Amino acid sequence: SYKVPLPLESLPSQGLASAKQNAKFKKPLLVVGAILVLGFGGYGVWQMTTFLPTNDTYEKLAIAKTLRGHTDVVNSVAISQDGQTLASGGRDNAIKIWNLKTEELKTTLSGGLNDSFFSLALSPDGQTLASGTWDNSVKIWNLKTGELKTTLTGYTSWVRAVAISPDGQTLVSGSG
């Protein structure tokens, strides 16, 4: 795990390997752990359903919305703190940004040929998106402009988890 200070504008374009490690990572580690558990084929959701008290609980579950737009598997989703924006990243080398209120696609962020997106995290202010990719990097996006701000490298395997702390000051990521 690496600790990278935010604001994200101050991040270097290269060199995650040189970032300082920090012992204060308990909360982000829990967030990353939750992402990992839920990200492996819904295993975490399956485990939770085995502990539900009665079958009556299932009657309360329903699909609220279905957003269609990806051309391949969706690997990760993230929802903004205000509940208005959803980001979905998939194996189709695209991140889709959705308006949850209107259910409309706002924009598509395109990656390169090997940019299958496996993990996403939105900043608390909803202006920045961090994405973990198949090409062994973390990409930082400006959601207002849709532009790629920077790419963090230094991994030897694809980035399976990214998280941004609730105060927006720390970005953590995990790789194989």
N, C-alpha and C. Protein backbone atom coordinates (compact mmCIF):
# COMPACT_ATOMS: atom_id res chain seq x y z
N SER A 1 0.84 -1.19 0.00
CA SER A 1 0.00 0.00 0.00
C SER A 1 0.88 1.24 0.00
N TYR A 2 0.43 2.24 -0.70
CA TYR A 2 1.14 3.51 -0.75
C TYR A 2 0.22 4.59 -0.25
N LYS A 3 0.79 5.59 0.40
CA LYS A 3 0.03 6.77 0.79
C LYS A 3 0.51 7.91 -0.08
N VAL A 4 -0.42 8.55 -0.77
CA VAL A 4 -0.10 9.66 -1.64
C VAL A 4 -0.88 10.86 -1.15
N PRO A 5 -0.23 11.97 -0.82
CA PRO A 5 -0.95 13.14 -0.33
C PRO A 5 -1.79 13.76 -1.43
N LEU A 6 -2.98 14.23 -1.07
CA LEU A 6 -3.83 14.97 -1.99
C LEU A 6 -3.74 16.42 -1.57
N PRO A 7 -4.03 17.46 -2.29
CA PRO A 7 -4.85 17.41 -3.48
C PRO A 7 -4.16 16.73 -4.64
N LEU A 8 -4.97 16.14 -5.48
CA LEU A 8 -4.46 15.33 -6.56
C LEU A 8 -3.69 16.14 -7.60
N GLU A 9 -3.93 17.44 -7.67
CA GLU A 9 -3.20 18.27 -8.63
C GLU A 9 -1.70 18.27 -8.34
N SER A 10 -1.33 18.01 -7.08
CA SER A 10 0.07 18.06 -6.70
C SER A 10 0.80 16.74 -6.93
N LEU A 11 0.09 15.72 -7.41
CA LEU A 11 0.71 14.42 -7.60
C LEU A 11 1.67 14.44 -8.79
N PRO A 12 2.79 13.75 -8.68
CA PRO A 12 3.69 13.63 -9.83
C PRO A 12 3.06 12.69 -10.86
N SER A 13 3.48 12.81 -12.10
CA SER A 13 2.92 11.97 -13.14
C SER A 13 3.53 10.57 -13.11
N GLN A 14 4.63 10.38 -12.44
CA GLN A 14 5.28 9.08 -12.35
C GLN A 14 5.75 8.86 -10.92
N GLY A 15 5.99 7.60 -10.54
CA GLY A 15 6.76 7.34 -9.33
C GLY A 15 5.99 7.00 -8.08
N LEU A 16 4.97 6.16 -8.13
CA LEU A 16 4.32 5.73 -6.92
C LEU A 16 5.29 5.00 -6.01
N ALA A 17 6.28 4.33 -6.61
CA ALA A 17 7.22 3.55 -5.83
C ALA A 17 8.00 4.42 -4.85
N SER A 18 8.11 5.71 -5.15
CA SER A 18 8.88 6.57 -4.27
C SER A 18 8.02 7.26 -3.20
N ALA A 19 6.70 7.01 -3.22
CA ALA A 19 5.81 7.63 -2.24
C ALA A 19 6.07 7.03 -0.86
N LYS A 20 5.95 7.85 0.18
CA LYS A 20 6.19 7.39 1.54
C LYS A 20 5.04 6.51 2.02
N GLN A 21 5.39 5.46 2.74
CA GLN A 21 4.37 4.63 3.38
C GLN A 21 4.02 5.27 4.71
N ASN A 22 2.79 5.08 5.15
CA ASN A 22 2.33 5.69 6.38
C ASN A 22 1.61 4.66 7.22
N ALA A 23 1.86 4.66 8.52
CA ALA A 23 1.25 3.69 9.40
C ALA A 23 -0.22 4.00 9.68
N LYS A 24 -0.68 5.21 9.36
CA LYS A 24 -2.06 5.60 9.64
C LYS A 24 -2.96 5.21 8.47
N PHE A 25 -3.18 3.92 8.30
CA PHE A 25 -3.97 3.46 7.17
C PHE A 25 -5.09 2.52 7.57
N LYS A 26 -5.49 2.56 8.82
CA LYS A 26 -6.50 1.61 9.28
C LYS A 26 -7.85 1.82 8.59
N LYS A 27 -8.37 3.06 8.56
CA LYS A 27 -9.66 3.29 7.91
C LYS A 27 -9.59 3.03 6.40
N PRO A 28 -8.61 3.60 5.67
CA PRO A 28 -8.54 3.29 4.24
C PRO A 28 -8.36 1.80 3.98
N LEU A 29 -7.64 1.11 4.87
CA LEU A 29 -7.44 -0.32 4.69
C LEU A 29 -8.76 -1.06 4.81
N LEU A 30 -9.61 -0.62 5.74
CA LEU A 30 -10.94 -1.23 5.85
C LEU A 30 -11.76 -0.99 4.60
N VAL A 31 -11.68 0.22 4.05
CA VAL A 31 -12.40 0.54 2.82
C VAL A 31 -11.90 -0.32 1.68
N VAL A 32 -10.58 -0.43 1.54
CA VAL A 32 -10.00 -1.25 0.48
C VAL A 32 -10.40 -2.71 0.68
N GLY A 33 -10.41 -3.18 1.91
CA GLY A 33 -10.82 -4.55 2.19
C GLY A 33 -12.26 -4.80 1.76
N ALA A 34 -13.14 -3.84 2.05
CA ALA A 34 -14.54 -3.98 1.64
C ALA A 34 -14.66 -4.01 0.13
N ILE A 35 -13.89 -3.17 -0.55
CA ILE A 35 -13.91 -3.15 -2.01
C ILE A 35 -13.44 -4.49 -2.55
N LEU A 36 -12.36 -5.01 -1.98
CA LEU A 36 -11.84 -6.29 -2.45
C LEU A 36 -12.85 -7.42 -2.23
N VAL A 37 -13.49 -7.44 -1.06
CA VAL A 37 -14.46 -8.50 -0.77
C VAL A 37 -15.62 -8.44 -1.75
N LEU A 38 -16.14 -7.23 -1.99
CA LEU A 38 -17.29 -7.11 -2.88
C LEU A 38 -16.89 -7.22 -4.34
N GLY A 39 -15.64 -6.97 -4.66
CA GLY A 39 -15.20 -6.98 -6.04
C GLY A 39 -14.92 -8.34 -6.62
N PHE A 40 -14.74 -9.35 -5.81
CA PHE A 40 -14.42 -10.67 -6.34
C PHE A 40 -15.70 -11.45 -6.61
N GLY A 41 -16.32 -11.13 -7.74
CA GLY A 41 -17.46 -11.89 -8.22
C GLY A 41 -18.68 -11.84 -7.33
N GLY A 42 -18.85 -10.78 -6.56
CA GLY A 42 -20.01 -10.68 -5.69
C GLY A 42 -19.93 -11.62 -4.49
N TYR A 43 -18.77 -12.18 -4.21
CA TYR A 43 -18.62 -13.13 -3.12
C TYR A 43 -19.09 -12.53 -1.80
N GLY A 44 -18.74 -11.25 -1.56
CA GLY A 44 -19.14 -10.61 -0.31
C GLY A 44 -20.65 -10.50 -0.19
N VAL A 45 -21.34 -10.22 -1.30
CA VAL A 45 -22.80 -10.14 -1.28
C VAL A 45 -23.37 -11.52 -0.98
N TRP A 46 -22.82 -12.57 -1.60
CA TRP A 46 -23.29 -13.93 -1.36
C TRP A 46 -23.12 -14.29 0.12
N GLN A 47 -21.96 -13.94 0.69
CA GLN A 47 -21.71 -14.24 2.10
C GLN A 47 -22.73 -13.53 2.99
N MET A 48 -23.06 -12.28 2.67
CA MET A 48 -24.01 -11.53 3.48
C MET A 48 -25.39 -12.19 3.45
N THR A 49 -25.79 -12.69 2.31
CA THR A 49 -27.13 -13.27 2.21
C THR A 49 -27.26 -14.54 3.03
N THR A 50 -26.16 -15.20 3.33
CA THR A 50 -26.26 -16.41 4.15
C THR A 50 -26.56 -16.08 5.60
N PHE A 51 -26.44 -14.82 5.99
CA PHE A 51 -26.69 -14.43 7.37
C PHE A 51 -28.00 -13.68 7.56
N LEU A 52 -28.79 -13.53 6.51
CA LEU A 52 -30.07 -12.86 6.65
C LEU A 52 -31.01 -13.73 7.49
N PRO A 53 -31.80 -13.11 8.39
CA PRO A 53 -32.57 -13.89 9.35
C PRO A 53 -33.70 -14.75 8.76
N THR A 54 -34.44 -14.22 7.79
CA THR A 54 -35.57 -14.98 7.24
C THR A 54 -35.68 -14.75 5.75
N ASN A 55 -36.48 -15.55 5.10
CA ASN A 55 -36.72 -15.37 3.67
C ASN A 55 -37.57 -14.14 3.39
N ASP A 56 -38.27 -13.60 4.39
CA ASP A 56 -39.07 -12.40 4.21
C ASP A 56 -38.21 -11.22 3.78
N THR A 57 -36.95 -11.23 4.17
CA THR A 57 -36.03 -10.15 3.81
C THR A 57 -35.89 -10.04 2.30
N TYR A 58 -35.91 -11.17 1.60
CA TYR A 58 -35.74 -11.15 0.15
C TYR A 58 -36.88 -10.44 -0.55
N GLU A 59 -38.07 -10.44 0.02
CA GLU A 59 -39.21 -9.77 -0.58
C GLU A 59 -39.00 -8.26 -0.61
N LYS A 60 -38.15 -7.73 0.25
CA LYS A 60 -37.90 -6.30 0.31
C LYS A 60 -36.84 -5.85 -0.69
N LEU A 61 -36.12 -6.81 -1.28
CA LEU A 61 -35.08 -6.48 -2.24
C LEU A 61 -35.67 -6.31 -3.63
N ALA A 62 -35.20 -5.30 -4.34
CA ALA A 62 -35.68 -5.06 -5.70
C ALA A 62 -34.63 -4.29 -6.47
N ILE A 63 -34.61 -4.46 -7.76
CA ILE A 63 -33.71 -3.69 -8.62
C ILE A 63 -34.32 -2.30 -8.78
N ALA A 64 -33.57 -1.29 -8.37
CA ALA A 64 -34.07 0.08 -8.44
C ALA A 64 -33.91 0.65 -9.85
N LYS A 65 -32.74 0.42 -10.46
CA LYS A 65 -32.46 0.99 -11.77
C LYS A 65 -31.48 0.09 -12.51
N THR A 66 -31.58 0.04 -13.80
CA THR A 66 -30.60 -0.64 -14.64
C THR A 66 -30.07 0.37 -15.63
N LEU A 67 -28.78 0.59 -15.59
CA LEU A 67 -28.13 1.54 -16.50
C LEU A 67 -27.34 0.73 -17.53
N ARG A 68 -27.66 0.91 -18.79
CA ARG A 68 -27.01 0.15 -19.85
C ARG A 68 -26.11 1.08 -20.68
N GLY A 69 -24.93 0.56 -21.04
CA GLY A 69 -24.04 1.38 -21.84
C GLY A 69 -22.69 0.72 -22.09
N HIS A 70 -22.26 -0.15 -21.20
CA HIS A 70 -20.99 -0.84 -21.38
C HIS A 70 -21.16 -1.96 -22.41
N THR A 71 -20.09 -2.26 -23.13
CA THR A 71 -20.12 -3.32 -24.13
C THR A 71 -19.47 -4.60 -23.65
N ASP A 72 -18.99 -4.61 -22.41
CA ASP A 72 -18.38 -5.79 -21.82
C ASP A 72 -18.65 -5.75 -20.32
N VAL A 73 -18.05 -6.63 -19.58
CA VAL A 73 -18.27 -6.79 -18.15
C VAL A 73 -17.97 -5.50 -17.39
N VAL A 74 -18.83 -5.16 -16.44
CA VAL A 74 -18.59 -4.04 -15.52
C VAL A 74 -17.88 -4.61 -14.30
N ASN A 75 -16.70 -4.08 -14.01
CA ASN A 75 -15.88 -4.57 -12.91
C ASN A 75 -16.05 -3.79 -11.62
N SER A 76 -16.43 -2.52 -11.72
CA SER A 76 -16.44 -1.68 -10.53
C SER A 76 -17.43 -0.53 -10.68
N VAL A 77 -18.00 -0.11 -9.55
CA VAL A 77 -18.85 1.07 -9.52
C VAL A 77 -18.48 1.91 -8.30
N ALA A 78 -18.75 3.20 -8.40
CA ALA A 78 -18.56 4.12 -7.27
C ALA A 78 -19.67 5.16 -7.33
N ILE A 79 -20.19 5.54 -6.17
CA ILE A 79 -21.27 6.52 -6.09
C ILE A 79 -20.76 7.73 -5.30
N SER A 80 -21.09 8.92 -5.79
CA SER A 80 -20.67 10.15 -5.11
C SER A 80 -21.36 10.26 -3.76
N GLN A 81 -20.78 11.06 -2.87
CA GLN A 81 -21.34 11.24 -1.52
C GLN A 81 -22.74 11.82 -1.55
N ASP A 82 -23.04 12.67 -2.54
CA ASP A 82 -24.38 13.25 -2.61
C ASP A 82 -25.39 12.32 -3.26
N GLY A 83 -24.95 11.16 -3.74
CA GLY A 83 -25.84 10.19 -4.33
C GLY A 83 -26.35 10.54 -5.72
N GLN A 84 -25.78 11.56 -6.35
CA GLN A 84 -26.25 12.01 -7.65
C GLN A 84 -25.49 11.42 -8.83
N THR A 85 -24.25 10.98 -8.60
CA THR A 85 -23.39 10.50 -9.68
C THR A 85 -22.92 9.09 -9.41
N LEU A 86 -22.92 8.29 -10.46
CA LEU A 86 -22.39 6.94 -10.39
C LEU A 86 -21.34 6.80 -11.48
N ALA A 87 -20.21 6.22 -11.13
CA ALA A 87 -19.17 5.90 -12.11
C ALA A 87 -19.10 4.39 -12.21
N SER A 88 -19.04 3.88 -13.44
CA SER A 88 -18.92 2.43 -13.65
C SER A 88 -17.74 2.19 -14.59
N GLY A 89 -16.91 1.23 -14.23
CA GLY A 89 -15.73 0.92 -15.03
C GLY A 89 -15.76 -0.53 -15.47
N GLY A 90 -15.36 -0.75 -16.70
CA GLY A 90 -15.47 -2.10 -17.20
C GLY A 90 -14.32 -2.59 -18.05
N ARG A 91 -14.51 -3.82 -18.50
CA ARG A 91 -13.52 -4.47 -19.34
C ARG A 91 -13.56 -3.94 -20.76
N ASP A 92 -14.48 -3.05 -21.06
CA ASP A 92 -14.56 -2.44 -22.39
C ASP A 92 -13.68 -1.20 -22.52
N ASN A 93 -12.74 -1.03 -21.58
CA ASN A 93 -11.78 0.08 -21.59
C ASN A 93 -12.46 1.44 -21.45
N ALA A 94 -13.58 1.49 -20.73
CA ALA A 94 -14.31 2.74 -20.57
C ALA A 94 -14.82 2.88 -19.15
N ILE A 95 -14.90 4.14 -18.73
CA ILE A 95 -15.57 4.51 -17.49
C ILE A 95 -16.78 5.33 -17.91
N LYS A 96 -17.95 4.95 -17.44
CA LYS A 96 -19.18 5.69 -17.73
C LYS A 96 -19.56 6.48 -16.49
N ILE A 97 -19.91 7.74 -16.69
CA ILE A 97 -20.35 8.62 -15.61
C ILE A 97 -21.84 8.87 -15.82
N TRP A 98 -22.63 8.51 -14.82
CA TRP A 98 -24.08 8.55 -14.92
C TRP A 98 -24.68 9.56 -13.94
N ASN A 99 -25.77 10.21 -14.35
CA ASN A 99 -26.58 11.03 -13.46
C ASN A 99 -27.64 10.09 -12.90
N LEU A 100 -27.58 9.78 -11.61
CA LEU A 100 -28.52 8.83 -11.03
C LEU A 100 -29.94 9.36 -10.93
N LYS A 101 -30.09 10.66 -10.83
CA LYS A 101 -31.42 11.24 -10.73
C LYS A 101 -32.19 11.07 -12.04
N THR A 102 -31.52 11.36 -13.16
CA THR A 102 -32.18 11.27 -14.47
C THR A 102 -31.91 9.95 -15.18
N GLU A 103 -30.98 9.15 -14.66
CA GLU A 103 -30.55 7.88 -15.24
C GLU A 103 -29.88 8.06 -16.61
N GLU A 104 -29.35 9.24 -16.86
CA GLU A 104 -28.71 9.53 -18.14
C GLU A 104 -27.20 9.38 -18.04
N LEU A 105 -26.60 8.97 -19.16
CA LEU A 105 -25.15 8.91 -19.27
C LEU A 105 -24.63 10.33 -19.47
N LYS A 106 -23.78 10.79 -18.55
CA LYS A 106 -23.23 12.14 -18.64
C LYS A 106 -22.03 12.17 -19.59
N THR A 107 -21.12 11.21 -19.42
CA THR A 107 -19.91 11.19 -20.25
C THR A 107 -19.26 9.82 -20.17
N THR A 108 -18.36 9.57 -21.10
CA THR A 108 -17.56 8.35 -21.10
C THR A 108 -16.09 8.75 -21.10
N LEU A 109 -15.35 8.19 -20.17
CA LEU A 109 -13.90 8.40 -20.10
C LEU A 109 -13.25 7.20 -20.75
N SER A 110 -12.41 7.44 -21.73
CA SER A 110 -11.82 6.34 -22.48
C SER A 110 -10.39 6.09 -22.06
N GLY A 111 -10.10 4.83 -21.89
CA GLY A 111 -8.74 4.42 -21.58
C GLY A 111 -8.06 3.91 -22.83
N GLY A 112 -6.85 3.42 -22.67
CA GLY A 112 -6.11 2.86 -23.78
C GLY A 112 -6.52 1.42 -24.04
N LEU A 113 -5.76 0.74 -24.87
CA LEU A 113 -6.10 -0.63 -25.26
C LEU A 113 -6.11 -1.60 -24.09
N ASN A 114 -5.26 -1.39 -23.11
CA ASN A 114 -5.20 -2.30 -21.95
C ASN A 114 -5.72 -1.65 -20.69
N ASP A 115 -6.63 -0.72 -20.83
CA ASP A 115 -7.14 0.00 -19.66
C ASP A 115 -8.47 -0.54 -19.17
N SER A 116 -8.57 -1.83 -19.05
CA SER A 116 -9.74 -2.40 -18.41
C SER A 116 -9.75 -1.89 -16.97
N PHE A 117 -10.88 -1.33 -16.53
CA PHE A 117 -10.94 -0.68 -15.22
C PHE A 117 -11.49 -1.64 -14.18
N PHE A 118 -10.67 -1.91 -13.14
CA PHE A 118 -11.03 -2.88 -12.12
C PHE A 118 -11.45 -2.26 -10.81
N SER A 119 -11.16 -1.00 -10.60
CA SER A 119 -11.53 -0.36 -9.34
C SER A 119 -11.70 1.13 -9.55
N LEU A 120 -12.65 1.72 -8.83
CA LEU A 120 -12.96 3.14 -8.94
C LEU A 120 -13.18 3.74 -7.56
N ALA A 121 -12.82 5.01 -7.40
CA ALA A 121 -13.13 5.75 -6.17
C ALA A 121 -13.36 7.21 -6.53
N LEU A 122 -14.44 7.78 -6.01
CA LEU A 122 -14.74 9.19 -6.21
C LEU A 122 -14.29 9.99 -5.00
N SER A 123 -13.74 11.17 -5.25
CA SER A 123 -13.35 12.05 -4.15
C SER A 123 -14.61 12.54 -3.43
N PRO A 124 -14.48 12.96 -2.17
CA PRO A 124 -15.65 13.42 -1.42
C PRO A 124 -16.40 14.57 -2.09
N ASP A 125 -15.69 15.44 -2.80
CA ASP A 125 -16.37 16.55 -3.48
C ASP A 125 -16.94 16.15 -4.84
N GLY A 126 -16.72 14.91 -5.27
CA GLY A 126 -17.27 14.42 -6.53
C GLY A 126 -16.61 14.97 -7.77
N GLN A 127 -15.47 15.64 -7.63
CA GLN A 127 -14.81 16.26 -8.76
C GLN A 127 -13.68 15.43 -9.36
N THR A 128 -13.19 14.45 -8.61
CA THR A 128 -12.05 13.66 -9.04
C THR A 128 -12.38 12.18 -8.92
N LEU A 129 -11.91 11.42 -9.90
CA LEU A 129 -12.10 9.97 -9.91
C LEU A 129 -10.74 9.30 -10.00
N ALA A 130 -10.51 8.31 -9.16
CA ALA A 130 -9.30 7.48 -9.25
C ALA A 130 -9.73 6.12 -9.80
N SER A 131 -8.94 5.58 -10.74
CA SER A 131 -9.28 4.29 -11.33
C SER A 131 -8.06 3.39 -11.33
N GLY A 132 -8.27 2.14 -10.96
CA GLY A 132 -7.23 1.12 -11.01
C GLY A 132 -7.40 0.33 -12.29
N THR A 133 -6.29 0.08 -13.01
CA THR A 133 -6.41 -0.49 -14.34
C THR A 133 -5.59 -1.76 -14.54
N TRP A 134 -5.90 -2.42 -15.64
CA TRP A 134 -5.22 -3.63 -16.08
C TRP A 134 -3.78 -3.33 -16.48
N ASP A 135 -3.49 -2.09 -16.89
CA ASP A 135 -2.14 -1.74 -17.33
C ASP A 135 -1.21 -1.38 -16.17
N ASN A 136 -1.55 -1.82 -14.97
CA ASN A 136 -0.69 -1.67 -13.78
C ASN A 136 -0.53 -0.22 -13.34
N SER A 137 -1.56 0.58 -13.45
CA SER A 137 -1.46 1.97 -13.05
C SER A 137 -2.75 2.45 -12.37
N VAL A 138 -2.64 3.61 -11.73
CA VAL A 138 -3.80 4.33 -11.20
C VAL A 138 -3.93 5.59 -12.04
N LYS A 139 -5.10 5.79 -12.59
CA LYS A 139 -5.35 6.99 -13.39
C LYS A 139 -6.26 7.92 -12.59
N ILE A 140 -5.91 9.22 -12.60
CA ILE A 140 -6.67 10.24 -11.88
C ILE A 140 -7.35 11.12 -12.92
N TRP A 141 -8.69 11.23 -12.82
CA TRP A 141 -9.50 11.95 -13.80
C TRP A 141 -10.15 13.18 -13.19
N ASN A 142 -10.28 14.24 -13.97
CA ASN A 142 -11.06 15.42 -13.61
C ASN A 142 -12.46 15.20 -14.16
N LEU A 143 -13.44 15.05 -13.29
CA LEU A 143 -14.79 14.74 -13.76
C LEU A 143 -15.50 15.93 -14.40
N LYS A 144 -15.12 17.15 -14.04
CA LYS A 144 -15.74 18.32 -14.69
C LYS A 144 -15.38 18.39 -16.17
N THR A 145 -14.10 18.13 -16.48
CA THR A 145 -13.65 18.25 -17.87
C THR A 145 -13.58 16.90 -18.59
N GLY A 146 -13.57 15.81 -17.83
CA GLY A 146 -13.43 14.49 -18.42
C GLY A 146 -12.00 14.16 -18.83
N GLU A 147 -11.06 14.99 -18.41
CA GLU A 147 -9.67 14.81 -18.81
C GLU A 147 -8.90 13.96 -17.80
N LEU A 148 -7.94 13.20 -18.34
CA LEU A 148 -7.01 12.45 -17.51
C LEU A 148 -6.02 13.44 -16.93
N LYS A 149 -5.95 13.53 -15.58
CA LYS A 149 -5.05 14.48 -14.92
C LYS A 149 -3.64 13.92 -14.80
N THR A 150 -3.54 12.66 -14.39
CA THR A 150 -2.23 12.06 -14.20
C THR A 150 -2.36 10.54 -14.14
N THR A 151 -1.25 9.88 -14.37
CA THR A 151 -1.18 8.42 -14.26
C THR A 151 -0.07 8.07 -13.29
N LEU A 152 -0.42 7.28 -12.29
CA LEU A 152 0.54 6.84 -11.28
C LEU A 152 1.00 5.43 -11.63
N THR A 153 2.30 5.25 -11.74
CA THR A 153 2.85 3.96 -12.13
C THR A 153 3.74 3.41 -11.03
N GLY A 154 4.26 2.23 -11.25
CA GLY A 154 5.16 1.62 -10.28
C GLY A 154 4.69 0.25 -9.84
N TYR A 155 3.58 -0.19 -10.35
CA TYR A 155 3.06 -1.51 -10.00
C TYR A 155 3.60 -2.56 -10.96
N THR A 156 3.60 -3.81 -10.50
CA THR A 156 4.03 -4.91 -11.36
C THR A 156 2.85 -5.81 -11.74
N SER A 157 1.65 -5.45 -11.28
CA SER A 157 0.44 -6.19 -11.60
C SER A 157 -0.72 -5.20 -11.65
N TRP A 158 -1.87 -5.65 -12.15
CA TRP A 158 -3.00 -4.74 -12.29
C TRP A 158 -3.50 -4.26 -10.94
N VAL A 159 -4.05 -3.06 -10.93
CA VAL A 159 -4.48 -2.41 -9.70
C VAL A 159 -5.91 -2.85 -9.40
N ARG A 160 -6.05 -3.58 -8.31
CA ARG A 160 -7.33 -4.21 -7.97
C ARG A 160 -8.21 -3.36 -7.08
N ALA A 161 -7.63 -2.38 -6.38
CA ALA A 161 -8.43 -1.57 -5.46
C ALA A 161 -7.87 -0.16 -5.35
N VAL A 162 -8.76 0.81 -5.32
CA VAL A 162 -8.40 2.20 -5.03
C VAL A 162 -9.44 2.75 -4.07
N ALA A 163 -9.02 3.65 -3.21
CA ALA A 163 -9.94 4.31 -2.28
C ALA A 163 -9.40 5.69 -1.96
N ILE A 164 -10.31 6.61 -1.71
CA ILE A 164 -9.96 7.97 -1.30
C ILE A 164 -10.57 8.17 0.07
N SER A 165 -9.78 8.68 1.01
CA SER A 165 -10.25 8.87 2.38
C SER A 165 -11.40 9.88 2.43
N PRO A 166 -12.24 9.80 3.46
CA PRO A 166 -13.39 10.71 3.59
C PRO A 166 -13.00 12.19 3.61
N ASP A 167 -11.80 12.51 4.08
CA ASP A 167 -11.37 13.91 4.08
C ASP A 167 -10.74 14.32 2.76
N GLY A 168 -10.61 13.39 1.81
CA GLY A 168 -10.06 13.69 0.50
C GLY A 168 -8.56 13.90 0.48
N GLN A 169 -7.87 13.56 1.55
CA GLN A 169 -6.44 13.83 1.64
C GLN A 169 -5.53 12.65 1.34
N THR A 170 -6.12 11.45 1.26
CA THR A 170 -5.29 10.27 1.06
C THR A 170 -5.88 9.36 -0.01
N LEU A 171 -5.03 8.93 -0.90
CA LEU A 171 -5.40 7.94 -1.93
C LEU A 171 -4.63 6.66 -1.60
N VAL A 172 -5.34 5.54 -1.51
CA VAL A 172 -4.67 4.26 -1.30
C VAL A 172 -5.04 3.35 -2.47
N SER A 173 -4.13 2.42 -2.75
CA SER A 173 -4.39 1.49 -3.85
C SER A 173 -3.75 0.16 -3.52
N GLY A 174 -4.28 -0.88 -4.14
CA GLY A 174 -3.76 -2.21 -3.93
C GLY A 174 -3.60 -2.93 -5.25
N SER A 175 -2.51 -3.69 -5.35
CA SER A 175 -2.18 -4.39 -6.58
C SER A 175 -1.75 -5.81 -6.26
N GLY A 176 -1.86 -6.70 -7.26
CA GLY A 176 -1.39 -8.07 -7.08
C GLY A 176 0.09 -8.11 -6.97
